[in-house]
Amino acid sequence: MSSDQNTYVFNADSPTELTRLINLDQVTTQAMGGPLVGIDANHIPQIKNILDTGCGPGGWVLNVAFGLPDAEVTGVDTSRSMIDYANGRARTRQLSNASFGVMDIRRPLDFADGAFDLVNARYLTGVLKREDWVGFLQECLRLLRPGGLVRLTETDGVLVTTSPALSQLNLWLMQAMHRMGYGHSPDGFTLGVSSVLPSLLRKIGIKQPETFACEFDGSHYSQHHITFLRLCEIVYFQAQSIITKTEVAGAEEIKKLYQQMLIEIQRDDFCCIFNMRCIVGEKST
């Protein structure tokens, strides 16, 4: 895909971004208590064909394929390097029921109508611009069989933290992404996605979507602290060029704040909560 077509907020083919997504996948699944949280346990045995859109390095697909050996689990992503990595992991773990392919989730996907019992997506806020969401959700609806489920895990980008530098950098990133066309916030102080998605799902024919609040604790005392530190190192290093390009803040100011953030996160009194929301809805029969 050429750069003018790619709407991913970071460089999806960068080894640095690959590392970030691996860490983010692991900590999200752990914090949520598993890859299928939000789906009724009685419904899970009926799920045989599963699609993960924007799968990245494939962690969610591999976890589900391992847990549901009788299901076929497919992941798609625009990044060839991500897909190659995911296929390599599937071979290493000998998961023959996991497969991956290169596809652009902003366009019709190469699957038949009603091909899936479950369509999953996590953290597409940095992939889909605000005008892309309705088309994407309509494609999810097309791919679902009657009674099939769509499961979305998203964040509004909100961090509750004791670090002034992290708080400011995160605000700048939200404002930069808002100027670039991401999220549904009217002012760029958050991504503003979680409140909008249930309404969009209802409008396209998903009945009674349910929302579950989740969070992971990146505080100094938390088991996730080192992973959170690494995520912040990568996210806000990559974000510097975006914040500068959108003229939210200057390069020197950003660099100074970035170094201060790394110091503050490693203090023994550092606290931070990262919020997520999981939305699950069923296609009308």
Protein backbone atom coordinates (compact mmCIF):
# COMPACT_ATOMS: atom_id res chain seq x y z
CA MET A 1 0.00 0.00 0.00
CA SER A 2 1.36 3.39 -0.91
CA SER A 3 1.86 6.00 1.79
CA ASP A 4 -0.94 8.20 0.47
CA GLN A 5 -3.42 5.36 0.97
CA ASN A 6 -2.19 4.26 4.40
CA THR A 7 -4.07 5.98 7.24
CA TYR A 8 -2.27 4.23 10.11
CA VAL A 9 -1.16 6.92 12.55
CA PHE A 10 2.29 5.34 13.04
CA ASN A 11 4.58 3.44 10.64
CA ALA A 12 3.08 -0.06 10.64
CA ASP A 13 6.17 -1.58 9.00
CA SER A 14 8.55 -0.29 11.67
CA PRO A 15 10.15 -2.86 14.02
CA THR A 16 9.54 -0.32 16.78
CA GLU A 17 5.80 -0.33 16.10
CA LEU A 18 5.80 -4.13 15.94
CA THR A 19 7.31 -4.20 19.44
CA ARG A 20 4.71 -1.74 20.72
CA LEU A 21 1.80 -3.75 19.35
CA ILE A 22 3.14 -7.01 20.81
CA ASN A 23 3.40 -5.37 24.25
CA LEU A 24 0.01 -3.66 23.93
CA ASP A 25 -1.67 -6.92 22.88
CA GLN A 26 -0.24 -8.83 25.83
CA VAL A 27 -1.08 -6.27 28.48
CA THR A 28 -4.59 -5.70 27.08
CA THR A 29 -5.48 -9.39 27.10
CA GLN A 30 -4.07 -9.82 30.61
CA ALA A 31 -5.86 -6.75 31.96
CA MET A 32 -9.17 -7.81 30.42
CA GLY A 33 -8.88 -11.36 31.77
CA GLY A 34 -8.72 -13.12 28.40
CA PRO A 35 -9.25 -12.58 24.67
CA LEU A 36 -13.02 -13.21 24.59
CA VAL A 37 -14.17 -11.24 27.62
CA GLY A 38 -17.61 -9.75 27.00
CA ILE A 39 -18.97 -12.76 25.14
CA ASP A 40 -21.40 -15.04 26.97
CA ALA A 41 -19.65 -18.30 27.84
CA ASN A 42 -22.68 -20.24 26.56
CA HIS A 43 -22.28 -18.59 23.17
CA ILE A 44 -18.58 -19.39 22.70
CA PRO A 45 -19.00 -23.08 21.66
CA GLN A 46 -21.17 -21.88 18.74
CA ILE A 47 -18.39 -19.70 17.38
CA LYS A 48 -16.57 -21.58 14.63
CA ASN A 49 -15.38 -18.91 12.18
CA ILE A 50 -13.68 -15.82 13.55
CA LEU A 51 -12.15 -12.73 11.92
CA ASP A 52 -9.80 -10.25 13.57
CA THR A 53 -9.58 -6.99 11.61
CA GLY A 54 -6.41 -4.92 11.89
CA CYS A 55 -4.77 -7.90 13.59
CA GLY A 56 -1.23 -6.48 13.72
CA PRO A 57 1.29 -9.11 14.85
CA GLY A 58 -1.53 -11.57 15.49
CA GLY A 59 -1.49 -12.05 19.25
CA TRP A 60 -5.27 -12.04 19.68
CA VAL A 61 -5.77 -14.50 16.81
CA LEU A 62 -3.19 -16.90 18.21
CA ASN A 63 -4.65 -16.78 21.72
CA VAL A 64 -8.15 -17.51 20.43
CA ALA A 65 -6.95 -20.24 18.06
CA PHE A 66 -5.16 -21.94 20.94
CA GLY A 67 -8.20 -21.68 23.24
CA LEU A 68 -10.71 -22.76 20.56
CA PRO A 69 -8.97 -25.54 18.59
CA ASP A 70 -12.20 -26.39 16.71
CA ALA A 71 -12.59 -22.83 15.40
CA GLU A 72 -10.96 -21.27 12.33
CA VAL A 73 -9.46 -17.90 13.25
CA THR A 74 -8.35 -15.43 10.58
CA GLY A 75 -6.49 -12.15 10.95
CA VAL A 76 -6.13 -9.40 8.34
CA ASP A 77 -3.95 -6.29 8.31
CA THR A 78 -2.60 -3.83 5.75
CA SER A 79 1.01 -4.40 6.79
CA ARG A 80 2.85 -7.20 4.99
CA SER A 81 5.56 -7.27 7.68
CA MET A 82 2.94 -7.67 10.42
CA ILE A 83 1.25 -10.50 8.54
CA ASP A 84 4.55 -12.26 7.83
CA TYR A 85 5.42 -12.06 11.51
CA ALA A 86 1.98 -13.38 12.53
CA ASN A 87 2.18 -16.31 10.10
CA GLY A 88 5.62 -17.16 11.46
CA ARG A 89 4.26 -17.20 15.01
CA ALA A 90 1.37 -19.45 13.95
CA ARG A 91 3.82 -21.94 12.40
CA THR A 92 6.09 -21.86 15.45
CA ARG A 93 3.16 -22.58 17.76
CA GLN A 94 1.77 -25.19 15.32
CA LEU A 95 -1.65 -23.56 15.23
CA SER A 96 -3.07 -24.84 11.96
CA ASN A 97 -6.43 -23.18 12.72
CA ALA A 98 -4.88 -19.67 12.64
CA SER A 99 -4.28 -17.88 9.33
CA PHE A 100 -3.40 -14.36 8.24
CA GLY A 101 -3.70 -12.25 5.09
CA VAL A 102 -2.95 -8.76 3.82
CA MET A 103 -6.15 -6.71 3.38
CA ASP A 104 -7.19 -3.10 3.80
CA ILE A 105 -10.00 -2.93 6.35
CA ARG A 106 -11.19 0.39 4.91
CA ARG A 107 -12.30 -1.46 1.77
CA PRO A 108 -14.49 -4.51 1.06
CA LEU A 109 -12.75 -7.61 2.36
CA ASP A 110 -12.26 -10.74 0.30
CA PHE A 111 -14.74 -12.91 2.22
CA ALA A 112 -18.27 -14.06 1.44
CA ASP A 113 -21.37 -12.58 3.04
CA GLY A 114 -22.10 -14.19 6.41
CA ALA A 115 -18.73 -15.95 6.55
CA PHE A 116 -18.08 -15.35 10.25
CA ASP A 117 -19.66 -15.98 13.64
CA LEU A 118 -17.50 -13.31 15.27
CA VAL A 119 -15.72 -10.22 13.92
CA ASN A 120 -13.24 -8.71 16.36
CA ALA A 121 -11.25 -5.48 16.34
CA ARG A 122 -8.95 -3.82 18.85
CA TYR A 123 -7.57 -0.29 18.85
CA LEU A 124 -8.60 0.81 15.36
CA THR A 125 -8.83 4.44 16.46
CA GLY A 126 -5.35 5.03 15.09
CA VAL A 127 -6.18 3.25 11.81
CA LEU A 128 -9.64 4.46 10.84
CA LYS A 129 -10.28 8.16 10.43
CA ARG A 130 -13.63 9.38 11.68
CA GLU A 131 -15.28 9.17 8.23
CA ASP A 132 -14.12 5.55 7.80
CA TRP A 133 -15.95 4.06 10.77
CA VAL A 134 -19.44 3.66 9.32
CA GLY A 135 -18.16 1.90 6.18
CA PHE A 136 -15.99 -0.39 8.28
CA LEU A 137 -18.86 -1.33 10.59
CA GLN A 138 -21.14 -1.96 7.62
CA GLU A 139 -18.52 -4.35 6.24
CA CYS A 140 -18.41 -6.13 9.61
CA LEU A 141 -22.19 -6.50 9.40
CA ARG A 142 -21.95 -7.98 5.88
CA LEU A 143 -19.41 -10.54 7.03
CA LEU A 144 -21.46 -11.70 10.01
CA ARG A 145 -24.01 -14.50 9.81
CA PRO A 146 -27.42 -13.70 11.40
CA GLY A 147 -26.92 -13.88 15.14
CA GLY A 148 -23.16 -13.35 14.76
CA LEU A 149 -21.24 -11.05 17.07
CA VAL A 150 -19.08 -7.99 16.59
CA ARG A 151 -16.59 -7.24 19.37
CA LEU A 152 -14.72 -3.93 19.53
CA THR A 153 -12.10 -2.92 22.08
CA GLU A 154 -11.21 0.75 21.99
CA THR A 155 -9.75 3.53 24.07
CA ASP A 156 -10.54 7.23 24.25
CA GLY A 157 -6.85 7.80 24.94
CA VAL A 158 -7.51 8.89 28.51
CA LEU A 159 -4.68 8.48 31.01
CA VAL A 160 -5.22 9.24 34.69
CA THR A 161 -1.71 9.82 35.96
CA THR A 162 0.45 11.58 38.53
CA SER A 163 3.03 12.43 35.84
CA PRO A 164 2.60 16.02 34.55
CA ALA A 165 4.87 15.32 31.58
CA LEU A 166 2.99 12.17 30.53
CA SER A 167 -0.34 13.95 30.92
CA GLN A 168 0.80 16.84 28.71
CA LEU A 169 2.37 14.62 26.03
CA ASN A 170 -0.77 12.52 25.89
CA LEU A 171 -2.93 15.61 25.50
CA TRP A 172 -0.72 16.83 22.65
CA LEU A 173 -1.02 13.44 20.95
CA MET A 174 -4.83 13.53 21.27
CA GLN A 175 -4.90 17.02 19.76
CA ALA A 176 -2.55 16.01 16.94
CA MET A 177 -4.67 12.97 16.09
CA HIS A 178 -7.80 15.14 16.17
CA ARG A 179 -6.24 17.53 13.64
CA MET A 180 -5.31 14.51 11.47
CA GLY A 181 -8.93 13.35 11.38
CA TYR A 182 -8.96 10.57 13.99
CA GLY A 183 -11.56 10.04 16.67
CA HIS A 184 -14.95 11.61 17.28
CA SER A 185 -14.09 14.19 19.92
CA PRO A 186 -15.31 17.74 19.21
CA ASP A 187 -12.25 19.33 20.79
CA GLY A 188 -9.35 16.84 20.67
CA PHE A 189 -9.02 16.43 24.43
CA THR A 190 -9.83 12.72 24.03
CA LEU A 191 -10.38 10.41 21.06
CA GLY A 192 -14.11 10.34 21.87
CA VAL A 193 -14.76 6.90 20.37
CA SER A 194 -16.35 4.75 23.08
CA SER A 195 -19.47 6.89 23.41
CA VAL A 196 -20.07 6.93 19.65
CA LEU A 197 -19.57 3.28 18.69
CA PRO A 198 -22.70 1.83 20.37
CA SER A 199 -24.84 4.35 18.50
CA LEU A 200 -23.11 3.60 15.17
CA LEU A 201 -23.58 -0.13 15.73
CA ARG A 202 -27.30 0.30 16.38
CA LYS A 203 -27.73 2.38 13.23
CA ILE A 204 -26.24 -0.34 10.99
CA GLY A 205 -28.36 -3.16 12.47
CA ILE A 206 -26.47 -4.47 15.50
CA LYS A 207 -28.97 -4.99 18.29
CA GLN A 208 -28.43 -4.04 21.91
CA PRO A 209 -24.64 -3.60 21.97
CA GLU A 210 -23.29 -3.99 25.50
CA THR A 211 -20.33 -2.03 26.81
CA PHE A 212 -17.80 -3.21 29.39
CA ALA A 213 -15.30 -0.89 31.07
CA CYS A 214 -11.74 -2.22 31.41
CA GLU A 215 -8.46 -0.73 32.54
CA PHE A 216 -4.87 -1.61 33.14
CA ASP A 217 -2.72 -0.18 35.86
CA GLY A 218 0.68 1.09 34.77
CA SER A 219 1.64 2.42 38.21
CA HIS A 220 5.06 1.79 39.74
CA TYR A 221 3.66 -0.92 42.06
CA SER A 222 1.79 -2.70 39.23
CA GLN A 223 2.84 -5.93 37.53
CA HIS A 224 2.37 -4.04 34.24
CA HIS A 225 4.70 -1.15 35.12
CA ILE A 226 7.71 -2.19 33.02
CA THR A 227 5.50 -2.97 30.03
CA PHE A 228 3.75 0.38 30.46
CA LEU A 229 7.12 2.17 30.59
CA ARG A 230 8.16 0.50 27.34
CA LEU A 231 4.85 1.40 25.71
CA CYS A 232 5.25 5.05 26.70
CA GLU A 233 8.84 5.11 25.44
CA ILE A 234 7.70 3.89 22.02
CA VAL A 235 4.37 5.72 21.71
CA TYR A 236 5.62 9.17 22.61
CA PHE A 237 8.89 8.75 20.71
CA GLN A 238 6.85 8.04 17.57
CA ALA A 239 4.34 10.74 18.45
CA GLN A 240 6.94 13.51 18.43
CA SER A 241 6.93 13.84 14.65
CA ILE A 242 3.12 13.82 14.55
CA ILE A 243 2.79 16.50 17.22
CA THR A 244 5.38 18.64 15.44
CA LYS A 245 3.86 18.12 11.99
CA THR A 246 0.40 19.19 13.18
CA GLU A 247 1.92 22.22 14.94
CA VAL A 248 0.49 21.32 18.33
CA ALA A 249 3.88 21.91 19.95
CA GLY A 250 7.49 22.54 18.96
CA ALA A 251 10.16 19.87 18.58
CA GLU A 252 12.47 21.07 21.37
CA GLU A 253 9.61 21.44 23.83
CA ILE A 254 8.40 17.93 23.01
CA LYS A 255 11.86 16.39 23.35
CA LYS A 256 12.39 17.99 26.76
CA LEU A 257 8.99 16.82 28.00
CA TYR A 258 9.64 13.31 26.68
CA GLN A 259 12.80 12.99 28.77
CA GLN A 260 10.98 14.34 31.82
CA MET A 261 8.18 11.79 31.27
CA LEU A 262 10.65 8.89 31.34
CA ILE A 263 12.05 10.15 34.65
CA GLU A 264 8.61 10.60 36.21
CA ILE A 265 7.34 7.15 35.17
CA GLN A 266 10.27 5.50 36.95
CA ARG A 267 9.63 7.24 40.27
CA ASP A 268 8.35 5.00 43.05
CA ASP A 269 5.30 7.23 43.56
CA PHE A 270 4.23 7.12 39.89
CA CYS A 271 0.58 6.16 39.30
CA CYS A 272 -1.35 5.74 36.07
CA ILE A 273 -4.55 4.08 34.90
CA PHE A 274 -5.24 3.46 31.19
CA ASN A 275 -8.92 3.04 30.33
CA MET A 276 -10.45 0.81 27.64
CA ARG A 277 -13.99 -0.15 26.65
CA CYS A 278 -15.16 -3.40 25.09
CA ILE A 279 -18.37 -3.27 23.04
CA VAL A 280 -20.16 -6.47 21.98
CA GLY A 281 -23.24 -6.58 19.78
CA GLU A 282 -25.25 -9.16 17.84
CA LYS A 283 -26.41 -9.02 14.23
CA SER A 284 -30.17 -9.16 13.96
CA THR A 285 -31.60 -12.44 12.70
